[in-house]
Amino acid sequence: MPIKTRVKSGVYYDSVTLMLVARELAKLPGVLDAAVVMSTAANQAILREAGLLTAEAEAAAANDLVIAVSAPDAAAADRALAAAESLLHQKHEPSAGQELGPKTLRGAVKAHPQANVAVIAVAGRYAAPEAWDALHRGLHVLLFSDNVSLEDEIGLKTYARDHGLLLMGPGAGTTLLNGVALGFADRLGAGPVGIVSAAGTGLQEVSSLLARHGVGITQGLGVGGRDVSEAVGGIMMIEALKALQADPATQVIVLVSKPPAAAVAGKVLAQVAAGDKPTVVCFLGGDPEPATAAGAIPACTLQEAALMAAQAAGADLDADEIVEREARGLEPQVADLRSSLNADQRYLRGLFSGGTLCYEAQVIWRDLLVEPVLSNAPLDAAYRLPDSMRSQGHTAVDLGEEEFTVGRPHPMIDNDLRIRRLLQEAGDPQVAVIVLDVVLGYGAHPDPASELGPAVRQARQLAGQAGRELIVVASVTGTNGDPQGMGRQVAALRAAQVVVCDSNAAAARLAGMIVAKEYGKN
């Protein structure tokens, strides 16, 4: 079966356009597989794993566009390449009758003089100038773009702080302002809890779990994962915290991030101590003592953060009792699932679209498992996965890391990469459990279970043909008010024999208990 490639230099299409073209290309008669991606190192590795990497594609530069197709014969491959060119042109041209909006920030401000927030979602190398333009016009900025330099981030945030503005990001995937969802965010009710998060999916998980206990939020401010680094200094987490401390509608505050640099944590907690509102601090995997000393309520997981915030907001629940009861309830399920595995199946593999959900799972597995969990985004640098494209032992992969998202859509939008990886893991005879997070909300895939469900069936069938059972465990982050409908997504996944848990923490705990029961500490 011939594989043909076309490399296009000096052209740019956004990653969603490339995804849509690749999907349409794959549906054409005679096309066995197809990819339309920028030729980054990670994308070349993905093409190699898929059997689509030709010498021409391998020689392409990172800023080149690669179209690769596999077809039964050369003529079919040539027709597919020609179709790809046509599809790219169609996507680039406006549809007949399509109303065109402003093409510049200046035009947008002129058309909407009442606006006070700019959302910037362009390629990283173009994002900083647009953000500077917005700040100079007195606008708060949600900088959705990633791949923005550290120097630009520090400069933008320093200017914003000094001028009474918020610079949320870069890589701020989720924010909710006065009930308006920006980026990837869920449909939530109003309530007394305000959230500041250096983690987009962390904000989504905490806010959606709050919603399930009937607790809404005032604001959800995403500040970008790098904000709490020593270099940036927590500039925006502190400014956003101050804003919520001064907000009369916010009664309870939640802070969410991976462990900040020690000096940054100290500054953030000093600001917590300066306020008078109950504040839940979830620095995932970090030492809870400094938070306790600052008068905050420490939480070890996103699940605990949501439960403790709900309790502080007056919900009739006991956070500790709920977590303990859930863990006890998993034990019979663990025994049943383990009975289907053979003696060689000993490893878990986490394939995550949410970086914070990947991190939370690793925090839980650190306490459950003797063997370390390797990752491209590890808790400890010593456990970094040598090759992000290939798992070893227990592995958790954050498919939303920048190495995977340059030149292709985020995995919350595009399931293609995760499905390819799911099938790859299913072929490993030592894999017992695969863990998936499914994140709903505005901007996310409109029906993720419609693609993940059939992929799970295929993965389980591959394992079954080799005489093995494969356990797939998932959690769904979202609400029934989301466009995808949480209930529909859960039902579709369960129909594909996915074990769906109530939270990412519960899914991680169940998977860890399955492999730890014989090989770990339990």
Protein backbone atom coordinates (compact mmCIF):
# COMPACT_ATOMS: atom_id res chain seq x y z
CA MET A 1 0.00 0.00 0.00
CA PRO A 2 1.64 3.24 -1.12
CA ILE A 3 2.14 6.15 1.25
CA LYS A 4 2.37 9.54 -0.39
CA THR A 5 3.32 12.85 1.13
CA ARG A 6 3.03 16.48 0.14
CA VAL A 7 5.04 19.12 2.01
CA LYS A 8 3.91 22.75 1.86
CA SER A 9 6.31 25.43 3.06
CA GLY A 10 5.41 28.98 4.02
CA VAL A 11 1.72 28.33 4.67
CA TYR A 12 -0.23 28.53 7.91
CA TYR A 13 -3.58 27.03 8.87
CA ASP A 14 -4.90 26.85 12.39
CA SER A 15 -4.82 23.43 14.02
CA VAL A 16 -8.61 23.00 14.00
CA THR A 17 -8.67 23.50 10.23
CA LEU A 18 -5.98 20.84 9.86
CA MET A 19 -7.99 18.46 12.03
CA LEU A 20 -11.17 18.97 10.02
CA VAL A 21 -9.35 18.46 6.72
CA ALA A 22 -7.70 15.27 8.00
CA ARG A 23 -11.08 13.92 9.11
CA GLU A 24 -12.68 14.62 5.74
CA LEU A 25 -9.68 13.17 3.96
CA ALA A 26 -9.86 9.92 5.96
CA LYS A 27 -13.49 9.45 4.89
CA LEU A 28 -12.72 9.56 1.17
CA PRO A 29 -13.10 6.27 -0.76
CA GLY A 30 -9.80 4.40 -0.98
CA VAL A 31 -8.06 6.35 1.82
CA LEU A 32 -6.82 3.97 4.51
CA ASP A 33 -5.22 6.57 6.78
CA ALA A 34 -4.42 10.25 6.58
CA ALA A 35 -2.73 13.04 8.51
CA VAL A 36 -2.54 16.79 7.97
CA VAL A 37 -0.11 18.28 10.50
CA MET A 38 2.75 20.68 10.99
CA SER A 39 6.07 18.85 10.78
CA THR A 40 7.12 19.17 14.43
CA ALA A 41 9.28 16.49 16.05
CA ALA A 42 6.29 15.13 17.98
CA ASN A 43 4.10 15.02 14.87
CA GLN A 44 6.84 13.26 12.94
CA ALA A 45 7.00 10.66 15.71
CA ILE A 46 3.23 10.22 15.48
CA LEU A 47 3.46 9.80 11.71
CA ARG A 48 6.19 7.21 12.22
CA GLU A 49 4.05 5.23 14.68
CA ALA A 50 1.16 5.37 12.21
CA GLY A 51 3.35 4.18 9.34
CA LEU A 52 2.86 7.48 7.48
CA LEU A 53 6.34 9.00 7.77
CA THR A 54 8.10 9.16 4.42
CA ALA A 55 11.61 10.44 3.77
CA GLU A 56 10.11 13.63 2.36
CA ALA A 57 8.08 14.23 5.54
CA GLU A 58 11.07 13.43 7.74
CA ALA A 59 13.13 16.06 5.92
CA ALA A 60 10.46 18.76 6.36
CA ALA A 61 11.07 21.70 8.69
CA ALA A 62 8.99 22.26 11.83
CA ASN A 63 7.05 25.11 10.20
CA ASP A 64 6.19 23.07 7.10
CA LEU A 65 2.76 21.54 6.59
CA VAL A 66 2.74 17.81 5.86
CA ILE A 67 -0.12 15.99 4.15
CA ALA A 68 0.31 12.22 4.31
CA VAL A 69 -2.04 9.55 2.96
CA SER A 70 -2.07 5.79 2.78
CA ALA A 71 -4.14 4.24 -0.03
CA PRO A 72 -4.45 0.91 -1.88
CA ASP A 73 -2.69 2.27 -4.97
CA ALA A 74 -0.73 5.29 -6.19
CA ALA A 75 -3.65 6.72 -8.15
CA ALA A 76 -5.89 6.73 -5.08
CA ALA A 77 -3.14 8.38 -3.03
CA ASP A 78 -2.69 11.08 -5.68
CA ARG A 79 -6.42 11.76 -5.74
CA ALA A 80 -6.40 12.08 -1.95
CA LEU A 81 -3.54 14.58 -2.00
CA ALA A 82 -5.37 16.67 -4.60
CA ALA A 83 -8.52 16.50 -2.47
CA ALA A 84 -6.54 17.69 0.56
CA GLU A 85 -5.35 20.76 -1.33
CA SER A 86 -8.94 21.52 -2.35
CA LEU A 87 -10.23 21.04 1.21
CA LEU A 88 -7.58 23.37 2.63
CA HIS A 89 -8.55 26.02 0.10
CA GLN A 90 -12.25 25.63 0.94
CA LYS A 91 -11.58 25.96 4.67
CA HIS A 92 -9.52 29.08 4.06
CA GLU A 93 -12.17 30.85 1.97
CA PRO A 94 -15.25 32.35 3.68
CA SER A 95 -18.56 30.64 2.93
CA ALA A 96 -21.09 32.40 0.74
CA GLY A 97 -23.17 34.75 2.83
CA GLN A 98 -20.89 34.36 5.83
CA GLU A 99 -20.80 37.49 7.95
CA LEU A 100 -17.23 38.60 8.47
CA GLY A 101 -16.24 40.08 11.82
CA PRO A 102 -13.43 42.51 12.57
CA LYS A 103 -10.03 41.29 11.40
CA THR A 104 -7.99 43.22 13.96
CA LEU A 105 -8.19 43.93 17.66
CA ARG A 106 -8.51 47.60 16.86
CA GLY A 107 -11.54 46.83 14.70
CA ALA A 108 -13.09 44.67 17.40
CA VAL A 109 -12.70 47.39 20.03
CA LYS A 110 -14.24 49.94 17.68
CA ALA A 111 -17.17 47.62 16.96
CA HIS A 112 -17.67 46.77 20.66
CA PRO A 113 -16.56 49.78 22.73
CA GLN A 114 -18.24 48.37 25.87
CA ALA A 115 -16.01 45.26 25.91
CA ASN A 116 -13.37 45.04 28.64
CA VAL A 117 -11.90 41.56 27.99
CA ALA A 118 -9.94 40.32 24.98
CA VAL A 119 -9.62 36.60 24.24
CA ILE A 120 -6.49 35.83 22.25
CA ALA A 121 -6.16 32.43 20.59
CA VAL A 122 -3.59 32.69 17.82
CA ALA A 123 -0.38 30.78 17.20
CA GLY A 124 2.05 31.34 20.07
CA ARG A 125 4.58 33.30 18.04
CA TYR A 126 1.90 35.90 17.22
CA ALA A 127 0.17 35.98 20.61
CA ALA A 128 2.35 38.36 22.66
CA PRO A 129 2.00 41.37 20.32
CA GLU A 130 -1.78 40.94 20.32
CA ALA A 131 -1.80 40.72 24.12
CA TRP A 132 0.31 43.88 24.41
CA ASP A 133 -2.12 45.68 22.09
CA ALA A 134 -5.08 44.59 24.24
CA LEU A 135 -3.42 45.66 27.50
CA HIS A 136 -2.46 49.03 26.07
CA ARG A 137 -6.14 49.49 25.18
CA GLY A 138 -7.09 48.88 28.83
CA LEU A 139 -8.50 45.40 28.30
CA HIS A 140 -8.19 42.40 30.57
CA VAL A 141 -6.72 39.51 28.56
CA LEU A 142 -7.46 35.80 28.41
CA LEU A 143 -4.38 34.51 26.61
CA PHE A 144 -5.61 31.11 25.43
CA SER A 145 -2.53 30.63 23.23
CA ASP A 146 0.35 28.49 24.42
CA ASN A 147 3.97 28.44 23.18
CA VAL A 148 4.42 32.04 24.42
CA SER A 149 7.93 32.82 25.68
CA LEU A 150 8.65 33.14 29.39
CA GLU A 151 10.03 36.64 28.87
CA ASP A 152 6.83 37.75 27.17
CA GLU A 153 4.70 36.26 29.94
CA ILE A 154 6.65 38.07 32.68
CA GLY A 155 6.50 41.37 30.82
CA LEU A 156 2.78 41.12 30.07
CA LYS A 157 1.83 40.14 33.61
CA THR A 158 3.98 42.80 35.22
CA TYR A 159 2.37 45.48 33.04
CA ALA A 160 -1.12 44.12 33.72
CA ARG A 161 -0.58 44.08 37.49
CA ASP A 162 0.80 47.62 37.45
CA HIS A 163 -2.23 48.87 35.50
CA GLY A 164 -4.98 47.09 37.43
CA LEU A 165 -5.60 44.48 34.73
CA LEU A 166 -5.69 40.69 34.62
CA LEU A 167 -3.53 38.75 32.16
CA MET A 168 -4.94 35.24 32.33
CA GLY A 169 -2.56 32.78 30.67
CA PRO A 170 -0.71 32.01 28.50
CA GLY A 171 -2.18 28.58 27.99
CA ALA A 172 -5.22 29.58 30.09
CA GLY A 173 -7.64 27.03 28.71
CA THR A 174 -10.52 27.81 31.07
CA THR A 175 -11.98 30.95 32.60
CA LEU A 176 -15.48 31.91 33.74
CA LEU A 177 -16.20 35.62 34.16
CA ASN A 178 -19.58 36.70 35.56
CA GLY A 179 -21.11 33.45 34.33
CA VAL A 180 -19.60 33.67 30.84
CA ALA A 181 -17.56 30.62 29.86
CA LEU A 182 -14.34 31.39 27.97
CA GLY A 183 -12.09 28.76 26.41
CA PHE A 184 -12.85 25.24 27.61
CA ALA A 185 -15.40 25.72 30.36
CA ASP A 186 -18.55 24.08 31.62
CA ARG A 187 -22.05 25.38 32.05
CA LEU A 188 -22.32 26.22 35.74
CA GLY A 189 -24.75 27.92 38.04
CA ALA A 190 -23.99 31.01 40.09
CA GLY A 191 -22.91 30.48 43.67
CA PRO A 192 -20.61 31.56 46.49
CA VAL A 193 -17.28 29.96 45.47
CA GLY A 194 -14.53 31.77 43.57
CA ILE A 195 -11.69 29.78 42.00
CA VAL A 196 -8.19 30.83 40.97
CA SER A 197 -6.42 28.13 39.04
CA ALA A 198 -3.06 27.70 37.35
CA ALA A 199 -4.61 24.64 35.73
CA GLY A 200 -7.45 24.70 33.20
CA THR A 201 -8.77 21.19 33.68
CA GLY A 202 -8.20 21.57 37.40
CA LEU A 203 -10.61 24.50 37.36
CA GLN A 204 -13.09 22.46 35.32
CA GLU A 205 -12.87 19.42 37.58
CA VAL A 206 -13.31 21.39 40.82
CA SER A 207 -16.14 23.57 39.49
CA SER A 208 -18.05 20.66 37.92
CA LEU A 209 -17.72 18.57 41.10
CA LEU A 210 -19.02 21.56 43.07
CA ALA A 211 -21.98 21.72 40.71
CA ARG A 212 -22.84 18.08 41.44
CA HIS A 213 -23.23 19.06 45.09
CA GLY A 214 -25.44 22.00 44.18
CA VAL A 215 -22.78 24.68 44.68
CA GLY A 216 -22.14 27.33 42.02
CA ILE A 217 -19.31 29.78 41.50
CA THR A 218 -18.81 33.52 41.27
CA GLN A 219 -15.68 33.59 39.09
CA GLY A 220 -13.25 31.02 37.74
CA LEU A 221 -9.94 32.68 36.90
CA GLY A 222 -7.35 30.67 34.98
CA VAL A 223 -3.89 32.20 35.26
CA GLY A 224 -1.79 29.71 33.25
CA GLY A 225 0.35 26.87 34.53
CA ARG A 226 3.63 28.78 34.45
CA ASP A 227 2.33 31.57 36.66
CA VAL A 228 3.37 29.79 39.87
CA SER A 229 6.94 29.16 38.66
CA GLU A 230 9.78 30.94 40.40
CA ALA A 231 10.47 32.98 37.27
CA VAL A 232 6.95 34.41 36.97
CA GLY A 233 6.45 34.62 40.72
CA GLY A 234 2.70 33.96 40.95
CA ILE A 235 1.91 37.47 39.73
CA MET A 236 -1.58 36.70 38.48
CA MET A 237 -2.54 34.12 41.11
CA ILE A 238 -1.93 36.78 43.74
CA GLU A 239 -3.80 39.50 41.80
CA ALA A 240 -6.74 37.19 41.10
CA LEU A 241 -6.80 36.13 44.76
CA LYS A 242 -6.91 39.78 45.83
CA ALA A 243 -9.82 40.37 43.45
CA LEU A 244 -11.84 37.50 44.94
CA GLN A 245 -10.99 38.57 48.49
CA ALA A 246 -12.49 41.98 47.64
CA ASP A 247 -15.53 40.57 45.82
CA PRO A 248 -18.68 40.76 47.99
CA ALA A 249 -20.32 37.84 46.15
CA THR A 250 -17.44 35.44 46.81
CA GLN A 251 -17.75 33.75 50.20
CA VAL A 252 -15.31 30.85 49.73
CA ILE A 253 -12.11 30.81 47.66
CA VAL A 254 -10.33 27.85 46.07
CA LEU A 255 -6.73 27.95 44.79
CA VAL A 256 -5.64 25.19 42.42
CA SER A 257 -2.22 24.44 40.92
CA LYS A 258 0.62 22.01 40.78
CA PRO A 259 3.05 22.72 43.64
CA PRO A 260 4.33 26.29 43.19
CA ALA A 261 7.95 27.21 43.67
CA ALA A 262 8.59 27.52 47.43
CA ALA A 263 9.02 31.30 47.32
CA VAL A 264 5.84 31.68 45.25
CA ALA A 265 3.85 29.46 47.59
CA GLY A 266 4.99 31.65 50.47
CA LYS A 267 3.78 34.84 48.76
CA VAL A 268 0.45 33.30 47.77
CA LEU A 269 -0.18 31.94 51.26
CA ALA A 270 0.76 35.29 52.81
CA GLN A 271 -2.00 36.86 50.72
CA VAL A 272 -4.39 34.10 51.83
CA ALA A 273 -3.56 34.91 55.45
CA ALA A 274 -4.26 38.59 54.79
CA GLY A 275 -7.86 37.78 53.83
CA ASP A 276 -10.81 36.75 55.98
CA LYS A 277 -12.61 34.29 53.69
CA PRO A 278 -12.39 30.48 53.99
CA THR A 279 -9.79 29.45 51.42
CA VAL A 280 -9.19 25.92 50.18
CA VAL A 281 -5.65 25.45 48.88
CA CYS A 282 -5.01 22.55 46.53
CA PHE A 283 -1.34 22.56 45.56
CA LEU A 284 -1.48 19.04 44.11
CA GLY A 285 1.02 16.73 45.77
CA GLY A 286 2.51 19.53 47.87
CA ASP A 287 3.06 19.76 51.62
CA PRO A 288 -0.23 20.74 53.31
CA GLU A 289 1.42 22.20 56.43
CA PRO A 290 2.20 25.70 55.07
CA ALA A 291 -1.43 26.07 53.94
CA THR A 292 -2.65 25.04 57.39
CA ALA A 293 -0.24 27.51 59.01
CA ALA A 294 -1.67 30.30 56.81
CA GLY A 295 -5.17 29.53 58.06
CA ALA A 296 -6.23 27.85 54.82
CA ILE A 297 -7.94 24.49 54.30
CA PRO A 298 -5.47 22.14 52.57
CA ALA A 299 -6.68 19.65 49.95
CA CYS A 300 -4.57 16.86 48.48
CA THR A 301 -6.69 16.25 45.36
CA LEU A 302 -9.10 18.17 43.15
CA GLN A 303 -11.90 15.99 44.46
CA GLU A 304 -11.07 16.95 48.05
CA ALA A 305 -10.82 20.63 47.07
CA ALA A 306 -14.34 20.57 45.64
CA LEU A 307 -15.80 18.71 48.61
CA MET A 308 -14.09 20.95 51.17
CA ALA A 309 -15.18 24.11 49.34
CA ALA A 310 -18.76 22.83 49.17
CA GLN A 311 -18.64 22.07 52.89
CA ALA A 312 -17.24 25.53 53.66
CA ALA A 313 -20.00 27.06 51.53
CA GLY A 314 -22.65 25.37 53.69
CA ALA A 315 -23.41 22.16 51.77
CA ASP A 316 -24.61 19.33 54.01
CA LEU A 317 -21.72 16.91 53.57
CA ASP A 318 -18.59 15.59 55.24
CA ALA A 319 -15.70 15.72 52.78
CA ASP A 320 -13.47 13.23 54.58
CA GLU A 321 -16.30 10.74 55.07
CA ILE A 322 -17.24 10.86 51.37
CA VAL A 323 -13.70 10.10 50.21
CA GLU A 324 -13.28 7.27 52.72
CA ARG A 325 -16.65 5.74 51.84
CA GLU A 326 -15.83 5.90 48.14
CA ALA A 327 -12.48 4.11 48.62
CA ARG A 328 -14.17 1.34 50.63
CA GLY A 329 -16.83 0.99 47.95
CA LEU A 330 -14.21 0.39 45.26
CA GLU A 331 -12.81 -2.74 46.91
CA PRO A 332 -15.46 -5.24 45.67
CA GLN A 333 -15.18 -3.77 42.18
CA VAL A 334 -11.39 -4.15 42.30
CA ALA A 335 -11.65 -7.84 43.16
CA ASP A 336 -14.11 -8.47 40.34
CA LEU A 337 -12.06 -6.63 37.72
CA ARG A 338 -8.78 -8.22 38.79
CA SER A 339 -10.22 -11.69 38.36
CA SER A 340 -10.41 -11.12 34.59
CA LEU A 341 -6.68 -10.40 34.20
CA ASN A 342 -3.87 -12.86 33.57
CA ALA A 343 -0.65 -13.03 35.59
CA ASP A 344 1.37 -10.98 33.09
CA GLN A 345 -0.95 -7.98 33.14
CA ARG A 346 0.53 -5.69 35.78
CA TYR A 347 0.72 -2.13 34.44
CA LEU A 348 -1.60 0.81 34.14
CA ARG A 349 -1.49 3.40 31.38
CA GLY A 350 -3.09 6.83 31.74
CA LEU A 351 -3.92 8.72 28.53
CA PHE A 352 -4.99 12.20 29.60
CA SER A 353 -6.27 15.24 27.76
CA GLY A 354 -6.08 17.33 30.95
CA GLY A 355 -2.62 18.04 32.35
CA THR A 356 -3.88 18.65 35.87
CA LEU A 357 -5.93 15.46 35.79
CA CYS A 358 -2.77 13.60 34.74
CA TYR A 359 -0.93 15.17 37.67
CA GLU A 360 -3.70 14.38 40.16
CA ALA A 361 -3.68 10.73 39.07
CA GLN A 362 0.07 10.55 39.62
CA VAL A 363 -0.33 11.98 43.13
CA ILE A 364 -2.78 9.19 43.94
CA TRP A 365 -0.65 6.48 42.31
CA ARG A 366 2.45 7.65 44.19
CA ASP A 367 0.76 6.56 47.40
CA LEU A 368 -0.69 3.33 46.00
CA LEU A 369 2.10 1.81 43.96
CA VAL A 370 5.59 0.57 44.77
CA GLU A 371 6.87 1.00 41.23
CA PRO A 372 7.13 4.59 39.96
CA VAL A 373 4.79 6.03 37.35
CA LEU A 374 6.67 7.48 34.39
CA SER A 375 5.29 10.50 32.58
CA ASN A 376 6.09 13.25 30.10
CA ALA A 377 4.81 15.55 32.88
CA PRO A 378 6.07 13.74 36.01
CA LEU A 379 5.77 14.62 39.68
CA ASP A 380 9.54 14.13 39.95
CA ALA A 381 11.97 14.79 37.11
CA ALA A 382 13.63 11.45 37.87
CA TYR A 383 10.53 9.72 36.52
CA ARG A 384 10.36 11.48 33.17
CA LEU A 385 9.36 9.16 30.35
CA PRO A 386 12.38 8.83 28.01
CA ASP A 387 10.19 8.77 24.89
CA SER A 388 6.74 10.33 25.12
CA MET A 389 5.57 8.16 22.24
CA ARG A 390 6.28 4.87 24.04
CA SER A 391 5.13 3.81 27.50
CA GLN A 392 7.24 1.91 29.99
CA GLY A 393 5.87 0.13 33.04
CA HIS A 394 3.25 2.30 34.74
CA THR A 395 2.87 5.39 32.52
CA ALA A 396 0.76 8.55 32.56
CA VAL A 397 0.84 10.64 29.39
CA ASP A 398 -0.40 14.22 29.23
CA LEU A 399 -1.42 14.50 25.57
CA GLY A 400 -2.15 18.19 26.09
CA GLU A 401 1.52 19.04 26.69
CA GLU A 402 2.99 21.52 24.23
CA GLU A 403 5.09 18.79 22.59
CA PHE A 404 1.83 17.32 21.26
CA THR A 405 -0.17 20.50 20.58
CA VAL A 406 2.17 22.44 18.27
CA GLY A 407 0.58 22.14 14.86
CA ARG A 408 -2.35 19.99 15.96
CA PRO A 409 -5.51 20.59 18.03
CA HIS A 410 -5.69 19.99 21.75
CA PRO A 411 -6.85 16.45 22.64
CA MET A 412 -9.99 17.91 24.21
CA ILE A 413 -10.95 18.85 20.64
CA ASP A 414 -9.35 16.07 18.60
CA ASN A 415 -9.42 12.44 19.73
CA ASP A 416 -7.22 11.13 16.91
CA LEU A 417 -3.90 11.01 18.77
CA ARG A 418 -5.41 9.50 21.91
CA ILE A 419 -7.22 6.82 19.90
CA ARG A 420 -3.98 5.88 18.13
CA ARG A 421 -2.25 5.68 21.52
CA LEU A 422 -5.11 3.67 23.02
CA LEU A 423 -4.75 1.02 20.32
CA GLN A 424 -0.97 1.03 20.78
CA GLU A 425 -1.34 0.39 24.53
CA ALA A 426 -3.91 -2.34 23.90
CA GLY A 427 -1.24 -4.28 22.02
CA ASP A 428 1.05 -4.46 25.06
CA PRO A 429 0.53 -7.84 26.80
CA GLN A 430 1.55 -6.38 30.18
CA VAL A 431 -1.14 -3.68 30.25
CA ALA A 432 -3.98 -4.32 32.68
CA VAL A 433 -5.78 -0.98 32.87
CA ILE A 434 -6.03 2.08 30.63
CA VAL A 435 -7.29 5.30 32.24
CA LEU A 436 -9.00 8.05 30.23
CA ASP A 437 -10.28 11.46 31.20
CA VAL A 438 -13.19 12.83 29.16
CA VAL A 439 -13.54 16.59 29.51
CA LEU A 440 -16.75 18.28 28.37
CA GLY A 441 -17.77 21.89 28.05
CA TYR A 442 -17.86 24.72 25.56
CA GLY A 443 -15.07 24.46 23.01
CA ALA A 444 -14.43 20.77 23.64
CA HIS A 445 -15.26 17.94 21.23
CA PRO A 446 -19.04 17.98 20.60
CA ASP A 447 -19.47 14.25 21.28
CA PRO A 448 -16.26 12.61 22.53
CA ALA A 449 -17.90 9.32 23.51
CA SER A 450 -19.03 8.79 19.91
CA GLU A 451 -15.35 8.39 18.97
CA LEU A 452 -13.84 7.06 22.20
CA GLY A 453 -16.52 4.39 22.65
CA PRO A 454 -15.83 2.60 19.33
CA ALA A 455 -12.08 2.99 19.92
CA VAL A 456 -12.39 1.28 23.30
CA ARG A 457 -14.36 -1.54 21.69
CA GLN A 458 -11.61 -1.95 19.11
CA ALA A 459 -8.89 -1.89 21.79
CA ARG A 460 -10.69 -4.50 23.87
CA GLN A 461 -11.19 -6.63 20.76
CA LEU A 462 -7.45 -6.46 19.96
CA ALA A 463 -6.63 -7.60 23.50
CA GLY A 464 -9.31 -10.30 23.32
CA GLN A 465 -7.85 -11.70 20.10
CA ALA A 466 -4.58 -12.14 22.01
CA GLY A 467 -6.35 -13.96 24.83
CA ARG A 468 -6.40 -11.02 27.24
CA GLU A 469 -9.01 -8.88 28.95
CA LEU A 470 -8.40 -5.12 28.91
CA ILE A 471 -9.91 -2.89 31.59
CA VAL A 472 -10.67 0.72 30.60
CA VAL A 473 -11.51 3.16 33.37
CA ALA A 474 -12.65 6.74 32.76
CA SER A 475 -14.01 9.82 34.43
CA VAL A 476 -16.14 12.52 32.83
CA THR A 477 -15.50 16.13 33.81
CA GLY A 478 -18.53 18.28 33.13
CA THR A 479 -22.20 18.88 33.87
CA ASN A 480 -25.52 17.85 32.37
CA GLY A 481 -25.89 21.42 31.19
CA ASP A 482 -22.86 21.12 28.92
CA PRO A 483 -23.50 20.92 25.16
CA GLN A 484 -22.33 17.29 25.12
CA GLY A 485 -24.65 16.26 27.97
CA MET A 486 -22.79 14.49 30.73
CA GLY A 487 -25.44 11.80 31.15
CA ARG A 488 -25.33 10.93 27.45
CA GLN A 489 -21.54 10.70 27.48
CA VAL A 490 -21.46 8.45 30.53
CA ALA A 491 -24.12 6.16 29.06
CA ALA A 492 -22.26 5.86 25.74
CA LEU A 493 -18.98 5.03 27.46
CA ARG A 494 -20.59 2.43 29.69
CA ALA A 495 -22.20 0.87 26.62
CA ALA A 496 -18.63 0.36 25.34
CA GLN A 497 -17.82 -1.44 28.65
CA VAL A 498 -15.85 1.47 30.07
CA VAL A 499 -15.86 1.61 33.87
CA VAL A 500 -16.94 5.21 34.50
CA CYS A 501 -16.12 6.76 37.89
CA ASP A 502 -17.55 9.89 39.51
CA SER A 503 -14.29 11.84 39.45
CA ASN A 504 -10.80 11.72 38.04
CA ALA A 505 -9.51 10.94 41.53
CA ALA A 506 -11.88 7.99 41.84
CA ALA A 507 -10.85 6.67 38.41
CA ALA A 508 -7.17 6.93 39.33
CA ARG A 509 -7.79 5.29 42.70
CA LEU A 510 -9.67 2.38 41.11
CA ALA A 511 -7.01 1.79 38.46
CA GLY A 512 -4.24 2.00 41.04
CA MET A 513 -5.98 -0.43 43.36
CA ILE A 514 -6.40 -2.95 40.53
CA VAL A 515 -2.67 -3.15 39.83
CA ALA A 516 -1.57 -2.50 43.43
CA LYS A 517 -3.62 -5.30 44.93
CA GLU A 518 -0.99 -7.86 44.00
CA TYR A 519 2.06 -5.84 42.94
CA GLY A 520 1.85 -2.75 45.16
CA LYS A 521 1.45 -1.74 48.76
CA ASN A 522 -2.11 -3.01 49.26
